[in-house]
Protein backbone atom coordinates (compact mmCIF):
# COMPACT_ATOMS: atom_id res chain seq x y z
CA MET A 1 10.02 7.50 -14.88
CA SER A 2 11.33 9.73 -12.06
CA ASN A 3 10.62 13.01 -13.90
CA ALA A 4 6.98 12.10 -14.52
CA GLY A 5 6.68 10.29 -11.19
CA SER A 6 6.09 6.66 -10.40
CA HIS A 7 2.78 4.87 -10.21
CA VAL A 8 2.28 3.26 -6.80
CA PHE A 9 -0.12 0.41 -6.07
CA THR A 10 -1.44 0.36 -2.50
CA TYR A 11 -3.59 -2.31 -0.89
CA GLY A 12 -4.10 -1.36 2.77
CA THR A 13 -4.14 1.81 4.82
CA LEU A 14 -2.67 3.78 1.91
CA THR A 15 -5.79 3.08 -0.18
CA ILE A 16 -7.49 5.70 2.00
CA PRO A 17 -6.92 9.13 0.40
CA ARG A 18 -6.52 10.92 3.75
CA VAL A 19 -3.83 8.46 4.90
CA MET A 20 -1.94 8.87 1.60
CA GLU A 21 -2.13 12.65 1.95
CA VAL A 22 -0.95 12.63 5.59
CA VAL A 23 1.99 10.35 4.75
CA THR A 24 3.14 12.09 1.55
CA GLY A 25 1.90 15.63 2.06
CA HIS A 26 0.32 15.48 -1.41
CA THR A 27 -2.75 14.34 -3.29
CA PHE A 28 -2.55 12.17 -6.40
CA ILE A 29 -4.88 10.80 -9.04
CA ALA A 30 -6.18 7.42 -7.87
CA GLU A 31 -7.77 4.52 -9.74
CA PRO A 32 -8.99 1.08 -8.66
CA ALA A 33 -6.46 -1.59 -9.66
CA LEU A 34 -5.82 -5.31 -9.37
CA LEU A 35 -2.49 -7.00 -8.66
CA GLN A 36 -2.33 -10.65 -9.67
CA GLY A 37 -0.01 -13.15 -8.00
CA TYR A 38 -0.14 -11.50 -4.56
CA ALA A 39 -2.38 -11.78 -1.50
CA ARG A 40 -3.18 -9.25 1.23
CA TYR A 41 -3.45 -10.55 4.79
CA ALA A 42 -3.94 -9.08 8.23
CA LEU A 43 -0.76 -9.13 10.30
CA ARG A 44 -0.76 -10.52 13.82
CA GLY A 45 -0.85 -7.73 16.39
CA GLU A 46 -1.14 -4.93 13.79
CA THR A 47 -3.98 -2.88 12.33
CA TYR A 48 -2.50 -2.85 8.80
CA PRO A 49 -1.96 -5.63 6.26
CA GLY A 50 0.98 -7.23 4.52
CA LEU A 51 1.26 -8.25 0.88
CA VAL A 52 2.88 -11.59 0.04
CA CYS A 53 3.58 -13.38 -3.21
CA GLU A 54 0.95 -16.08 -3.82
CA ALA A 55 0.74 -17.37 -7.38
CA THR A 56 -2.99 -18.10 -7.48
CA ALA A 57 -4.14 -14.99 -5.61
CA ALA A 58 -5.10 -11.46 -6.65
CA CYS A 59 -5.28 -8.31 -4.56
CA ASP A 60 -7.47 -5.30 -5.20
CA GLY A 61 -6.22 -1.85 -4.33
CA VAL A 62 -5.57 1.66 -5.55
CA LEU A 63 -3.11 2.85 -8.17
CA TRP A 64 -1.80 6.33 -7.37
CA ARG A 65 -0.58 8.06 -10.52
CA ARG A 66 2.66 10.04 -10.89
CA VAL A 67 3.92 9.94 -7.31
CA ASP A 68 6.93 12.28 -7.04
CA ASP A 69 10.33 11.23 -5.68
CA ASP A 70 9.93 13.12 -2.39
CA SER A 71 6.63 11.36 -1.75
CA LEU A 72 8.25 8.00 -2.59
CA ARG A 73 10.91 8.69 0.06
CA ARG A 74 8.15 9.48 2.55
CA LEU A 75 6.34 6.27 1.62
CA ASP A 76 9.58 4.28 2.02
CA ALA A 77 10.04 5.74 5.50
CA PHE A 78 6.39 5.07 6.39
CA GLU A 79 6.65 1.44 5.29
CA GLY A 80 9.93 0.97 7.17
CA ASP A 81 12.04 -2.17 7.31
CA TRP A 82 9.12 -4.60 7.14
CA TYR A 83 8.37 -3.80 3.50
CA LEU A 84 10.34 -3.67 0.28
CA ARG A 85 9.26 -1.49 -2.64
CA GLN A 86 9.33 -3.49 -5.86
CA PRO A 87 8.09 -3.17 -9.43
CA VAL A 88 4.84 -4.90 -10.38
CA ILE A 89 2.30 -4.88 -13.18
CA VAL A 90 -1.27 -4.05 -12.17
CA LEU A 91 -4.50 -4.07 -14.13
CA VAL A 92 -6.54 -0.88 -14.42
CA ASP A 93 -9.74 -1.42 -16.39
CA GLY A 94 -8.10 -4.47 -18.00
CA VAL A 95 -4.99 -2.52 -19.08
CA SER A 96 -1.55 -3.48 -17.74
CA VAL A 97 0.23 -0.64 -15.95
CA ALA A 98 3.78 -0.66 -14.53
CA ALA A 99 3.82 0.36 -10.88
CA GLU A 100 5.63 -0.12 -7.61
CA THR A 101 4.23 -1.65 -4.44
CA TYR A 102 5.36 -2.58 -0.95
CA VAL A 103 5.74 -6.30 -0.28
CA LEU A 104 6.27 -7.75 3.19
CA VAL A 105 9.90 -8.87 3.52
CA GLU A 106 10.52 -12.56 4.07
CA ALA A 107 11.88 -11.99 7.61
CA GLN A 108 8.47 -10.59 8.64
CA GLN A 109 6.24 -13.12 6.90
CA HIS A 110 5.79 -15.04 10.16
CA ARG A 111 3.43 -12.18 11.12
CA VAL A 112 0.95 -13.10 8.36
CA SER A 113 -2.27 -14.35 9.95
CA HIS A 114 -3.91 -15.62 6.72
CA ARG A 115 -7.02 -13.68 7.81
CA ARG A 116 -8.47 -11.13 5.43
CA TRP A 117 -7.65 -7.48 6.16
CA LEU A 118 -10.81 -5.42 5.86
CA ARG A 119 -10.58 -1.73 4.99
CA ASP A 120 -14.01 -0.88 6.41
CA ARG A 121 -13.11 -2.50 9.74
CA PHE A 122 -9.86 -0.50 9.83
CA GLU A 123 -11.72 2.73 9.04
CA ARG A 124 -14.33 2.12 11.76
CA ARG A 125 -11.97 0.99 14.51
CA PHE A 126 -8.50 2.39 13.90
CA LEU A 127 -8.39 5.19 11.30
CA GLN A 128 -8.66 8.20 13.62
CA ASP A 129 -5.85 7.00 15.92
CA PHE A 130 -3.77 5.99 12.90
CA LEU A 131 -4.13 9.44 11.32
CA ALA A 132 -3.34 11.18 14.62
CA LYS A 133 -0.15 9.13 15.00
CA TYR A 134 1.17 9.73 11.48
CA ALA A 135 0.04 13.35 11.21
CA ASN A 136 2.63 14.21 13.88
CA GLU A 137 5.56 12.49 12.16
CA PRO A 138 7.85 14.26 9.69
């Protein structure tokens, strides 16, 4: 899939088009999507969420279509050591689509607060500072 690009499911800060553009340097086609078997939680002491495997849960998010390899490398660097990119199947309008997403590594799961992470709260309180921080990174 590397020639056509990979589909990437995001569930937190990267669901915001401006954040995705600042991190990757590109814009991509985006669609609402649902990932079953995973839950999104706020992380203690952080403004962004983590995704953990939870059999009975489902997480809404955004599927970014045909993300190029350079942008994937940028996303990997942005996510850092706390997250592992792995293949998943998401639902887009009831259709299963192969994608990749970033799951919180087991060594960092102690940071999960089991509180909901709210995008609108993040946008109101933290987005401008977040964008300013990441806009200055390579």
